[in-house]
Each structure stands twice: as C-alpha cells, then as structure tokens.
Protein backbone atom coordinates (compact mmCIF):
# COMPACT_ATOMS: atom_id res chain seq x y z
CA MET A 1 0.00 0.00 0.00
CA LEU A 2 1.33 3.42 -0.98
CA THR A 3 1.25 5.93 1.85
CA TYR A 4 2.46 9.34 2.89
CA LYS A 5 2.24 11.25 6.14
CA THR A 6 0.05 14.31 6.72
CA ILE A 7 1.75 16.86 8.97
CA THR A 8 1.09 20.33 10.37
CA ALA A 9 3.10 23.43 9.45
CA SER A 10 4.80 23.24 12.85
CA GLU A 11 5.83 19.64 12.22
CA ALA A 12 7.16 20.63 8.78
CA LEU A 13 9.41 23.27 10.34
CA GLU A 14 10.61 20.71 12.86
CA LEU A 15 11.54 18.30 10.06
CA VAL A 16 13.45 21.02 8.21
CA SER A 17 15.31 21.92 11.41
CA ASN A 18 16.22 18.33 12.28
CA ILE A 19 16.92 16.74 8.88
CA HIS A 20 19.65 18.50 6.91
CA ASP A 21 18.70 17.44 3.37
CA THR A 22 14.92 17.80 3.59
CA VAL A 23 13.37 18.88 0.28
CA ILE A 24 10.39 21.26 0.23
CA ILE A 25 8.23 21.04 -2.88
CA ASP A 26 5.76 23.91 -3.19
CA VAL A 27 2.95 22.89 -5.53
CA ARG A 28 1.26 26.30 -5.65
CA THR A 29 1.03 28.12 -8.96
CA ARG A 30 3.99 30.24 -10.04
CA ASP A 31 2.02 33.41 -9.26
CA GLU A 32 1.21 32.20 -5.75
CA PHE A 33 4.82 31.18 -5.18
CA ASN A 34 6.22 34.48 -6.49
CA GLU A 35 3.87 36.43 -4.23
CA THR A 36 4.99 34.60 -1.06
CA PRO A 37 7.98 32.36 -1.77
CA ILE A 38 9.50 29.89 0.64
CA ILE A 39 13.26 30.30 0.47
CA GLY A 40 14.93 27.08 -0.65
CA ALA A 41 11.72 25.41 -1.82
CA PHE A 42 11.28 23.98 -5.29
CA ASN A 43 8.22 25.45 -7.00
CA PHE A 44 6.70 22.57 -8.94
CA PRO A 45 3.08 23.63 -9.65
CA LEU A 46 0.81 20.63 -9.25
CA TYR A 47 -0.17 20.47 -12.92
CA GLU A 48 3.48 20.10 -13.98
CA MET A 49 5.09 18.61 -10.88
CA LEU A 50 5.98 15.16 -12.20
CA GLU A 51 7.47 16.60 -15.38
CA LEU A 52 9.63 19.07 -13.43
CA LEU A 53 10.62 16.38 -10.95
CA GLU A 54 12.36 14.47 -13.76
CA ASN A 55 15.02 17.20 -13.80
CA HIS A 56 15.60 16.92 -10.04
CA GLU A 57 16.20 13.31 -9.20
CA PHE A 58 15.96 13.04 -5.44
CA GLU A 59 16.81 9.80 -3.69
CA PRO A 60 13.60 7.75 -3.25
CA ASN A 61 13.92 7.72 0.56
CA ARG A 62 14.86 11.39 0.97
CA THR A 63 12.57 13.37 3.28
CA ILE A 64 10.22 15.45 1.12
CA ILE A 65 7.71 18.01 2.40
CA VAL A 66 4.93 18.96 0.00
CA HIS A 67 3.23 22.32 0.54
CA CYS A 68 0.39 24.29 -1.04
CA GLN A 69 -1.92 27.06 0.14
CA SER A 70 -4.62 24.99 1.84
CA GLY A 71 -3.39 21.40 2.01
CA HIS A 72 -5.56 20.03 -0.81
CA ARG A 73 -3.00 20.15 -3.63
CA SER A 74 -0.26 18.90 -1.32
CA GLN A 75 -2.32 15.77 -0.63
CA ILE A 76 -2.73 15.13 -4.38
CA ALA A 77 0.98 15.75 -4.97
CA ALA A 78 1.95 13.45 -2.10
CA GLN A 79 -0.14 10.66 -3.60
CA ALA A 80 1.55 11.16 -6.99
CA LEU A 81 5.05 11.21 -5.47
CA THR A 82 4.33 8.05 -3.53
CA TYR A 83 3.00 6.41 -6.68
CA VAL A 84 6.23 7.12 -8.61
CA GLY A 85 8.37 5.60 -5.86
CA TYR A 86 9.20 8.19 -3.20
CA THR A 87 8.90 6.69 0.26
CA ASN A 88 9.30 9.53 2.77
CA ILE A 89 6.64 12.04 1.73
CA ASN A 90 5.07 14.52 4.16
CA ALA A 91 2.07 16.57 3.02
CA VAL A 92 1.45 19.78 4.96
CA SER A 93 -2.22 20.01 5.89
CA GLU A 94 -2.31 23.79 6.26
CA ASP A 95 -0.79 26.94 4.79
CA LEU A 96 2.89 26.83 5.65
CA VAL A 97 3.45 30.40 4.39
CA ALA A 98 0.76 31.82 6.69
CA PHE A 99 2.31 29.90 9.57
CA LEU A 100 5.78 31.24 8.77
CA TYR A 101 4.58 34.84 8.54
CA LYS A 102 2.59 34.48 11.76
CA SER A 103 5.53 33.01 13.69
C-alpha cells in the first residue's frame, strides 16, 4: 500500500530543522509562489510537478515536504510522489506560508 504522512506546518518546520537534506516542494502556482515564496523550496506547480521532478532526481527515501496554500494540492501531490516511488513524503495540511509569517 502506498502511503504518505500528513503533517502540520509546525511539524514541517521541525523536520526542516532536524533533517539537513529535507526537500520542500511547493505545488502552488507560479504566481502564488512568487507572491509569497518559501526560500529554498522547489516550485513545482501541481499540474506540472511530475514533469519538473524528472530534472531533479531526489533519492527515493529522501525526506520530502509537499506544501500548497490549503493542504488540498499537497495531498494530491503526495499521492503522486508516492506512486512514482518516493517513500518519505510529508504533506502539509495547512498553509505553511501563513504559519511562517505568523511566527
């Protein structure tokens, strides 16, 4: 069974702090990303994520955090990433940007 973990914004920040090579994939549109970027994140809009991912071959077991504005697109992206063989996927269930700006 293919699975991924759903995490909060706080848990995402904890992962980034504790795991040096964590990858953040932001699946918001380019306009959304440009308006409020997350420094160091890869912007792979959901509709082109798998195509863009081909140019960035991450190890299958690398810790990956998937983020969007509300959590819906990140869940879809996490399912797709799991399906193509990634095994350590974490989908943020809330707006990570809003959490960062609030903190």
